Protein backbone atom coordinates (compact mmCIF):
# COMPACT_ATOMS: atom_id res chain seq x y z
CA MET A 1 -1.29 -23.04 -12.08
CA LYS A 2 -0.58 -22.61 -8.01
CA LEU A 3 2.40 -23.69 -7.79
CA ARG A 4 4.02 -21.60 -10.82
CA LEU A 5 2.23 -18.11 -9.81
CA LEU A 6 4.43 -18.74 -5.96
CA THR A 7 7.17 -19.08 -7.99
CA ILE A 8 6.96 -16.42 -10.27
CA LEU A 9 5.84 -14.43 -7.29
CA GLY A 10 8.69 -15.23 -5.32
CA MET A 11 11.26 -14.35 -7.89
CA LEU A 12 9.79 -11.10 -8.53
CA TYR A 13 9.54 -10.06 -4.78
CA GLY A 14 13.13 -11.23 -4.85
CA VAL A 15 14.95 -9.25 -8.11
CA MET A 16 12.55 -6.34 -6.29
CA LEU A 17 15.02 -6.70 -3.09
CA VAL A 18 17.36 -6.84 -4.40
CA TYR A 19 17.37 -4.38 -7.53
CA ALA A 20 15.87 -1.72 -4.20
CA SER A 21 18.40 -2.73 -1.86
CA LEU A 22 21.57 -1.79 -4.72
CA MET A 23 20.15 1.26 -5.76
CA PRO A 24 21.26 3.80 -7.30
CA PHE A 25 23.93 1.63 -8.36
CA ASP A 26 26.89 3.19 -7.87
CA PHE A 27 29.50 0.69 -7.74
CA VAL A 28 32.96 2.15 -7.14
CA LEU A 29 36.26 0.39 -6.98
CA GLY A 30 38.54 2.39 -4.40
CA GLU A 31 39.58 3.33 -0.77
CA HIS A 32 35.57 3.67 0.48
CA ILE A 33 35.44 -0.88 -0.08
CA GLY A 34 38.22 -1.28 3.02
CA HIS A 35 35.93 1.44 4.96
CA GLN A 36 32.94 -0.12 4.70
CA ILE A 37 34.37 -3.81 5.80
CA HIS A 38 36.34 -2.28 8.39
CA ARG A 39 32.31 -1.21 10.02
CA PHE A 40 30.45 -4.02 8.94
CA TRP A 41 30.74 -5.89 12.32
CA SER A 42 30.60 -2.49 13.65
CA TYR A 43 26.37 -2.34 14.32
CA TRP A 44 24.30 -3.85 16.73
CA PRO A 45 24.08 -6.35 18.12
CA PHE A 46 27.43 -7.06 16.86
CA ASN A 47 28.76 -4.20 18.67
CA HIS A 48 26.62 -4.04 22.41
CA THR A 49 27.78 -0.01 22.18
CA ALA A 50 26.58 0.90 19.34
CA ARG A 51 22.75 2.37 18.51
CA ILE A 52 20.56 1.37 15.87
CA SER A 53 16.84 3.61 15.54
CA GLY A 54 13.86 1.30 15.76
CA SER A 55 12.36 1.78 12.60
CA ASP A 56 15.65 0.25 10.67
CA VAL A 57 14.75 -3.57 12.96
CA VAL A 58 10.99 -3.15 11.94
CA SER A 59 11.94 -2.81 7.96
CA ASN A 60 14.74 -5.11 8.42
CA LEU A 61 12.62 -8.02 10.27
CA ALA A 62 9.86 -7.00 7.61
CA LEU A 63 11.60 -7.09 4.54
CA TYR A 64 11.87 -10.86 3.91
CA VAL A 65 8.87 -12.35 5.70
CA PRO A 66 6.61 -12.42 2.28
CA LEU A 67 10.07 -14.14 0.42
CA GLY A 68 10.41 -16.82 3.08
CA TRP A 69 7.03 -16.97 3.49
CA LEU A 70 6.08 -17.61 -0.66
CA ILE A 71 9.15 -19.96 -0.84
CA THR A 72 8.09 -22.64 1.78
CA VAL A 73 4.22 -22.29 0.47
CA ARG A 74 5.65 -22.94 -3.02
CA CYS A 75 8.20 -25.90 -1.79
CA ARG A 76 4.73 -27.42 0.12
CA LEU A 77 2.92 -27.47 -2.59
CA GLY A 78 5.63 -29.05 -4.23
CA GLY A 79 4.99 -32.31 -1.69
CA VAL A 80 8.61 -30.93 -0.04
CA ARG A 81 8.61 -31.85 3.68
CA VAL A 82 8.07 -29.05 6.51
CA TYR A 83 11.96 -29.22 7.61
CA LEU A 84 13.27 -29.07 4.24
CA SER A 85 10.83 -26.48 3.16
CA LEU A 86 11.89 -24.47 6.06
CA MET A 87 15.47 -25.17 5.41
CA ILE A 88 15.26 -24.26 1.88
CA ALA A 89 13.90 -20.94 3.05
CA VAL A 90 16.07 -19.66 4.94
CA LEU A 91 18.73 -20.78 2.99
CA ILE A 92 17.50 -18.86 0.23
CA CYS A 93 16.67 -16.02 2.18
CA SER A 94 20.08 -15.36 3.91
CA THR A 95 22.03 -15.91 1.48
CA VAL A 96 20.12 -13.67 -0.64
CA SER A 97 20.25 -11.39 2.39
CA ALA A 98 24.79 -11.62 2.10
CA CYS A 99 24.37 -11.58 -1.57
CA VAL A 100 23.30 -7.71 -1.38
CA GLU A 101 25.03 -6.76 1.33
CA LEU A 102 28.71 -7.93 0.04
CA ALA A 103 26.97 -6.22 -2.88
CA GLN A 104 26.71 -2.82 -1.15
CA ILE A 105 30.30 -3.03 -0.15
CA THR A 106 31.52 -1.75 -3.32
CA THR A 107 28.62 1.19 -3.22
CA LEU A 108 28.81 4.49 -2.37
CA SER A 109 25.63 4.98 -1.11
CA ARG A 110 24.68 1.84 0.15
CA THR A 111 25.77 0.97 4.00
CA SER A 112 27.26 -2.79 4.15
CA SER A 113 26.00 -4.20 7.84
CA ALA A 114 25.97 -7.98 8.95
CA ALA A 115 23.57 -6.28 11.51
CA ASP A 116 21.21 -5.83 8.31
CA TRP A 117 22.23 -9.57 7.67
CA LEU A 118 21.20 -10.65 10.51
CA LEU A 119 18.30 -9.30 10.95
CA ASN A 120 16.98 -9.89 7.28
CA THR A 121 17.26 -13.35 8.12
CA ILE A 122 15.49 -14.06 10.87
CA SER A 123 12.56 -12.44 8.88
CA GLY A 124 13.13 -14.80 6.37
CA CYS A 125 12.14 -17.16 9.03
CA SER A 126 9.40 -15.55 10.47
CA GLY A 127 7.87 -15.46 7.11
CA ALA A 128 9.11 -18.75 6.48
CA THR A 129 7.98 -20.54 10.11
CA ALA A 130 4.54 -19.00 9.22
CA GLY A 131 4.07 -20.25 5.63
CA ALA A 132 4.81 -23.72 7.50
CA ILE A 133 2.52 -23.61 9.76
CA CYS A 134 -1.01 -22.06 7.79
CA GLY A 135 0.41 -21.22 4.15
CA LYS A 136 -0.29 -24.27 2.58
CA GLY A 137 -3.95 -24.23 3.84
CA LEU A 138 -3.95 -19.75 3.57
CA TRP A 139 -2.48 -20.10 0.47
CA VAL A 140 -4.94 -22.55 -1.12
CA GLY A 141 -8.29 -21.62 0.73
CA GLY A 142 -7.29 -17.63 -0.30
CA ILE A 143 -6.50 -18.15 -4.04
CA GLN A 144 -10.36 -20.48 -3.93
CA TRP A 145 -12.17 -17.61 -2.14
CA LEU A 146 -11.02 -14.51 -4.33
CA ARG A 147 -11.22 -16.70 -7.50
CA ARG A 148 -15.02 -17.06 -6.01
CA CYS A 149 -15.62 -13.56 -5.11
CA TRP A 150 -14.74 -12.63 -8.37
CA ASN A 151 -17.06 -14.05 -10.19
CA THR A 152 -20.03 -13.89 -8.22
CA ARG A 153 -19.02 -11.09 -5.06
CA PRO A 154 -16.04 -8.89 -6.90
CA VAL A 155 -17.41 -5.51 -4.32
CA ASP A 156 -16.29 -7.50 -1.17
CA ILE A 157 -12.66 -7.81 -2.49
CA ALA A 158 -12.70 -3.20 -2.83
CA THR A 159 -14.34 -3.10 0.40
CA LEU A 160 -11.58 -5.16 1.93
CA ALA A 161 -8.40 -3.48 0.28
CA LEU A 162 -10.42 0.05 1.38
CA MET A 163 -10.38 -0.97 4.72
CA GLY A 164 -7.23 -2.22 4.61
CA LEU A 165 -5.53 0.73 2.90
CA LEU A 166 -7.75 2.91 5.99
CA SER A 167 -5.89 0.61 8.54
CA ALA A 168 -2.05 1.32 6.60
CA ASP A 169 -2.95 4.92 6.69
CA ALA A 170 -3.66 4.89 10.27
CA LEU A 171 -1.35 2.57 11.52
CA ALA A 172 1.92 4.78 9.69
CA PRO A 173 4.89 4.62 10.31
CA TYR A 174 4.33 1.10 11.56
CA ILE A 175 6.38 1.40 14.94
CA PRO A 176 4.67 0.21 17.67
CA THR A 177 4.87 0.64 21.51
CA ILE A 178 4.59 -0.82 24.54
CA LEU A 179 6.31 1.28 26.86
CA LEU A 180 3.32 3.25 28.86
CA LYS A 181 5.84 6.13 29.05
CA GLN A 182 5.41 6.28 25.38
CA VAL A 183 1.79 6.03 25.30
CA TRP A 184 0.73 8.24 27.87
CA HIS A 185 3.19 11.12 25.94
CA SER A 186 0.73 10.15 22.71
CA LEU A 187 -2.26 10.78 24.54
CA LYS A 188 -0.90 14.58 26.09
CA ARG A 189 -0.86 14.80 22.63
CA SER A 190 -4.12 13.82 21.65
CA HIS A 191 -6.97 16.35 20.22
CA PHE A 192 -10.02 15.56 22.00
CA ASP A 193 -10.77 18.46 21.97
CA ILE A 194 -13.52 18.23 18.63
CA VAL A 195 -13.10 21.91 17.21
CA GLY A 196 -9.10 22.11 17.92
CA GLY A 197 -9.03 18.62 15.62
CA LEU A 198 -10.88 20.19 12.62
CA ALA A 199 -8.84 23.22 12.23
CA LEU A 200 -5.25 20.89 11.71
CA HIS A 201 -7.28 20.92 8.23
CA PRO A 202 -8.92 23.06 5.90
CA TRP A 203 -12.79 22.01 5.91
CA HIS A 204 -12.28 20.36 2.39
CA TRP A 205 -9.66 17.87 3.86
CA TRP A 206 -12.06 16.58 6.24
CA VAL A 207 -14.95 16.04 3.39
CA VAL A 208 -12.41 14.62 1.41
CA THR A 209 -10.39 12.23 2.86
CA ARG A 210 -13.17 11.13 6.10
CA VAL A 211 -16.35 12.04 4.85
CA LEU A 212 -16.06 11.46 1.37
CA VAL A 213 -14.22 7.98 1.99
CA TYR A 214 -16.51 6.74 4.73
CA ALA A 215 -19.50 7.01 2.53
CA VAL A 216 -17.97 5.05 0.19
CA LEU A 217 -16.96 1.95 2.83
CA THR A 218 -20.36 2.33 4.49
CA MET A 219 -22.04 1.64 1.13
CA LEU A 220 -19.73 -1.26 0.43
CA LEU A 221 -20.10 -2.90 3.32
CA ALA A 222 -24.03 -2.46 2.78
CA ALA A 223 -23.91 -4.48 -0.39
CA TRP A 224 -21.63 -7.09 1.31
CA GLY A 225 -21.76 -10.53 0.50
CA GLY A 226 -23.98 -9.94 -2.86
CA GLN A 227 -27.31 -8.40 -1.11
CA LYS A 228 -29.29 -5.58 -2.51
CA PRO A 229 -29.04 -2.46 0.15
CA ASP A 230 -31.64 -1.27 1.61
CA LEU A 231 -32.24 0.94 4.81
CA LYS A 232 -31.77 -1.90 7.12
CA ARG A 233 -28.41 -2.99 5.94
CA CYS A 234 -27.33 0.63 5.15
CA ILE A 235 -27.50 1.17 8.70
CA ARG A 236 -26.01 -1.91 9.92
CA ALA A 237 -22.75 -1.09 7.35
CA ALA A 238 -22.78 2.35 8.57
CA ALA A 239 -22.72 1.24 12.40
CA MET A 240 -19.99 -1.42 11.43
CA ALA A 241 -17.58 1.10 9.74
CA ALA A 242 -18.34 3.61 12.82
CA CYS A 243 -16.88 1.61 14.97
CA PHE A 244 -13.96 0.55 12.38
CA ALA A 245 -13.04 3.90 12.56
CA LEU A 246 -13.30 4.53 16.38
CA SER A 247 -11.01 1.31 16.59
CA LEU A 248 -8.34 3.17 14.08
CA GLU A 249 -8.25 5.75 16.23
CA LEU A 250 -7.76 3.93 19.52
CA ALA A 251 -5.24 1.96 18.63
CA LYS A 252 -2.40 5.39 17.79
CA PRO A 253 -1.15 5.91 20.72
CA MET A 254 -0.06 2.20 20.51
CA ILE A 255 2.22 3.26 17.50
CA VAL A 256 4.86 6.03 17.80
CA SER A 257 4.86 9.11 17.08
CA ARG A 258 0.90 9.14 16.50
CA THR A 259 -1.84 10.41 18.32
CA ILE A 260 -5.91 10.40 18.67
CA ASN A 261 -8.02 12.79 17.12
CA MET A 262 -11.56 12.66 17.94
CA ALA A 263 -12.07 15.20 14.69
CA ASN A 264 -11.25 11.99 12.46
CA VAL A 265 -14.07 9.81 13.73
CA LEU A 266 -16.69 12.57 14.04
CA THR A 267 -15.90 13.18 10.32
CA SER A 268 -15.62 9.60 9.26
CA TRP A 269 -18.71 9.26 11.20
CA SER A 270 -20.45 12.11 9.31
CA GLY A 271 -19.20 10.08 5.98
CA CYS A 272 -21.31 7.04 7.51
CA PHE A 273 -24.31 9.19 7.55
CA VAL A 274 -24.55 10.41 4.69
CA ALA A 275 -24.06 7.14 2.96
CA VAL A 276 -27.23 5.55 5.18
CA SER A 277 -29.37 9.01 3.96
CA VAL A 278 -28.63 8.08 0.84
CA GLY A 279 -27.41 4.60 -0.06
CA ALA A 280 -30.93 2.90 -0.51
CA PHE A 281 -32.22 5.65 -2.68
CA PHE A 282 -28.66 5.26 -4.69
CA ALA A 283 -29.43 1.86 -5.14
CA SER A 284 -32.78 1.22 -6.09
CA ARG A 285 -32.97 4.93 -8.07
CA VAL A 286 -29.78 5.60 -10.14
CA ALA A 287 -29.10 3.54 -13.26
CA THR A 288 -25.58 1.19 -12.99
CA HIS A 289 -23.78 3.54 -16.19
CA ARG A 290 -24.71 6.61 -14.45
CA LYS A 291 -23.46 4.98 -10.88
CA LEU A 292 -20.53 3.71 -12.82
CA GLY A 293 -19.80 7.32 -13.73
CA LEU A 294 -20.30 8.95 -10.17
CA ALA A 295 -17.16 6.15 -8.95
CA ILE A 296 -15.16 7.32 -12.06
CA ALA A 297 -15.43 10.80 -11.09
CA ALA A 298 -15.04 10.25 -7.22
CA LEU A 299 -12.36 8.16 -7.60
CA LEU A 300 -10.58 11.09 -9.68
CA THR A 301 -11.38 14.07 -7.43
CA TYR A 302 -9.94 11.86 -4.60
CA LEU A 303 -6.20 11.34 -6.62
CA PHE A 304 -6.40 15.39 -7.17
CA TYR A 305 -6.51 16.40 -4.14
CA LEU A 306 -4.65 13.90 -2.65
CA TRP A 307 -1.96 15.00 -4.89
CA TRP A 308 -2.38 18.48 -5.10
CA ILE A 309 -2.94 19.77 -1.73
CA PRO A 310 -2.86 22.19 -0.12
CA PHE A 311 -3.23 24.17 -4.12
CA ASN A 312 -1.08 26.47 -3.26
CA PHE A 313 0.59 27.05 -6.80
CA VAL A 314 2.70 29.60 -7.31
CA TRP A 315 4.97 30.37 -10.80
CA ASP A 316 8.57 30.26 -9.13
CA PRO A 317 11.52 29.04 -12.47
CA GLU A 318 14.07 28.89 -9.31
CA LEU A 319 11.54 26.25 -7.40
CA PHE A 320 10.95 24.51 -10.97
CA ARG A 321 14.62 24.42 -11.40
CA LYS A 322 14.80 22.82 -8.15
CA GLU A 323 12.15 20.56 -8.45
CA VAL A 324 13.47 18.70 -12.18
CA PRO A 325 14.41 15.59 -10.62
CA SER A 326 17.83 14.46 -11.37
CA PRO A 327 19.12 11.61 -14.04
CA VAL A 328 19.71 8.53 -10.73
CA GLU A 329 15.87 10.15 -10.23
CA LEU A 330 14.70 8.48 -12.77
CA LEU A 331 15.71 4.94 -12.04
CA PRO A 332 12.33 2.89 -11.13
CA PHE A 333 10.61 3.37 -8.44
CA TYR A 334 14.08 5.61 -6.98
CA HIS A 335 12.80 6.94 -4.73
CA TYR A 336 10.91 4.39 -2.32
CA ALA A 337 13.95 2.18 -2.56
CA MET A 338 15.74 4.85 -1.31
CA GLY A 339 13.45 5.83 1.33
CA ALA A 340 13.34 2.23 2.36
CA LYS A 341 10.29 1.77 5.01
CA LEU A 342 7.49 0.33 5.20
CA ASN A 343 4.88 3.68 4.70
CA HIS A 344 6.83 3.48 1.03
CA VAL A 345 5.08 -0.17 0.64
CA ARG A 346 1.91 1.69 1.47
CA LEU A 347 2.54 4.17 -0.66
CA PHE A 348 3.61 1.91 -3.47
CA VAL A 349 0.42 -0.23 -2.84
CA GLN A 350 -2.25 2.90 -2.72
CA SER A 351 -0.79 3.79 -6.09
CA VAL A 352 -1.21 0.58 -7.91
CA PHE A 353 -4.80 0.34 -6.37
CA LEU A 354 -6.19 3.62 -6.76
CA GLN A 355 -5.05 2.98 -10.47
CA GLY A 356 -6.26 0.07 -11.31
CA ILE A 357 -10.01 0.94 -9.97
CA LEU A 358 -9.31 3.57 -12.43
CA VAL A 359 -8.64 1.64 -15.31
CA TYR A 360 -10.85 -1.01 -14.35
CA LEU A 361 -14.33 1.02 -13.83
CA LEU A 362 -12.85 2.96 -17.05
CA ARG A 363 -13.33 -0.39 -18.90
CA LEU A 364 -16.92 -0.99 -17.20
CA ARG A 365 -18.11 2.47 -17.76
CA PHE A 366 -16.50 3.19 -21.63
CA GLY A 367 -15.73 0.06 -22.58
CA TRP A 368 -11.93 1.47 -22.68
CA PHE A 369 -8.62 -0.97 -22.34
CA GLU A 370 -10.78 -3.86 -24.49
CA GLY A 371 -8.68 -4.61 -27.44
CA ALA A 372 -7.17 -7.64 -26.73
CA GLY A 373 -3.34 -6.47 -28.29
CA THR A 374 -3.55 -3.17 -27.25
CA ARG A 375 -5.11 -3.01 -23.96
CA ILE A 376 -2.33 -3.01 -21.74
CA ALA A 377 -0.24 -0.90 -23.41
CA LEU A 378 -2.62 1.74 -23.93
CA ALA A 379 -4.05 1.23 -20.04
CA ALA A 380 0.06 2.03 -18.58
CA ILE A 381 -0.02 5.29 -21.52
CA PHE A 382 -3.14 6.23 -19.90
CA ALA A 383 -2.48 5.46 -16.66
CA GLY A 384 1.60 6.99 -16.50
CA ALA A 385 0.24 10.11 -18.28
CA LEU A 386 -2.06 10.80 -15.60
CA GLY A 387 0.74 10.60 -12.84
CA LEU A 388 2.78 12.18 -15.12
CA LEU A 389 0.26 15.34 -14.49
CA LEU A 390 -0.33 14.71 -10.61
CA GLU A 391 3.52 14.67 -10.33
CA GLY A 392 3.87 17.10 -12.78
CA GLY A 393 1.48 19.70 -11.39
CA GLN A 394 3.79 19.38 -7.65
CA ILE A 395 6.07 20.84 -9.39
CA PHE A 396 4.66 24.78 -8.93
CA LEU A 397 3.54 23.74 -5.41
CA PRO A 398 6.43 24.71 -2.43
CA SER A 399 5.92 22.32 -0.11
CA ARG A 400 5.37 19.25 -1.95
CA THR A 401 8.26 17.64 -3.95
CA PRO A 402 7.66 15.57 -7.15
CA SER A 403 8.68 11.60 -7.79
CA VAL A 404 8.80 9.73 -10.94
CA THR A 405 8.66 6.72 -8.78
CA ASP A 406 4.65 7.41 -8.49
CA ILE A 407 4.35 7.60 -12.44
CA TYR A 408 5.99 4.16 -12.77
CA CYS A 409 3.66 2.86 -9.79
CA PHE A 410 0.38 4.41 -11.94
CA ALA A 411 1.56 2.95 -14.71
CA LEU A 412 1.78 -0.42 -13.20
CA GLY A 413 -1.73 0.09 -11.55
CA GLY A 414 -2.68 0.73 -15.08
CA VAL A 415 -1.38 -2.54 -16.16
CA LEU A 416 -3.12 -4.45 -13.97
CA GLY A 417 -6.76 -2.85 -14.03
CA ALA A 418 -6.69 -3.94 -17.76
CA TRP A 419 -4.22 -7.08 -17.42
CA ILE A 420 -7.42 -8.60 -14.58
CA ARG A 421 -10.42 -10.20 -15.95
CA ARG A 422 -13.70 -8.97 -15.66
CA PRO A 423 -16.11 -10.90 -13.42
CA THR A 424 -18.26 -13.64 -14.67
CA HIS A 425 -21.27 -12.27 -13.22
CA ALA A 426 -20.33 -8.22 -13.37
CA LEU A 427 -23.76 -7.23 -13.05
CA SER A 428 -24.91 -9.73 -9.84
CA ALA A 429 -26.90 -7.75 -6.75
CA ASN A 430 -24.10 -6.39 -5.30
CA SER A 431 -21.79 -5.51 -8.49
CA GLU A 432 -24.98 -3.84 -10.25
CA PHE A 433 -24.68 -1.25 -7.49
CA PHE A 434 -21.35 -0.10 -7.55
CA LEU A 435 -20.30 -1.81 -10.80
């Protein structure tokens, strides 16, 4: 099972890399091919006078790490020796990247570059090295932990996932810096004035994205380990969530283009305080089905808010015509593939994860999507329809741009929420608190 899962994940990731790298598949034979070949070696580091953006370097260095890691771990679990596993992983990553770059020579929208091939090869080598050193133990231990947690403490997995999404949001665009000049510039632009920081967003933005989110995180932490949340555990969880929020904010000056805003910390702490105030009552007085209903309502509120803010809907036929996607934008994951930034990975994970949780909660509360033959298809249709509603609403928002890619992500999240099996002990101590 472990080997088959690794093989499937590796193949899916490899196909995704090729698919995203060749999007939008505008292959043409013509004079531009000669121009592409001529410029193939014209980029840094092969051309020392050329310049390359830091975001491109970071993206290319991160892109093939998962593939190298998956291949190496698959080989190691299959009994292949360490050095041979490394060689196989690096060779496959380098070959895939070379094939992509060669194929890009015949495209109009993509630029073929030896620099990308070099950085991708280094990326695959880094992932392979990590896989050779600790990948086998991490994979086996991680799978065992996930199975154990899913059967007895599923809320622990949700807690880690939420903390991961909050960290990814705080550290975007994932361009770290250690230049003191850059860090000092970020500190000077930071908002240590609470009133000035709060003025950057409307009050409802702080309530939904900070108070609500950190209240939920605090209650999840209070239920960690399958314990019944009481006042003492809620206070301890609030302290942990507050430290987490502060650490994320203090890390922002180390990220290019990010600054500290102490209003983020204050409103997050407010969410922790709300959780302490109502957490114990919520755990002991509210029935399980009502908790599920509240969780579904909170998640739907968050989704609609996130997709429709700032709610400045207008009826403008000219705007409507501009926002309607072109045929090429209907390709699966077109916008993420063409953007090719790490932030698009975050958006992809966020969209899939939130829809997966929503569909799963609907299964628990109302018994939806439980049919043996149709549950995955119905969940995909439901989640896709919700995505169509949310993205369709953005057509009437001048400051938002609808994306068909998000609809595909919603449908994929629905499939995930319907596909995963329910825990063996779905109503254990901490599951009763939220599930």
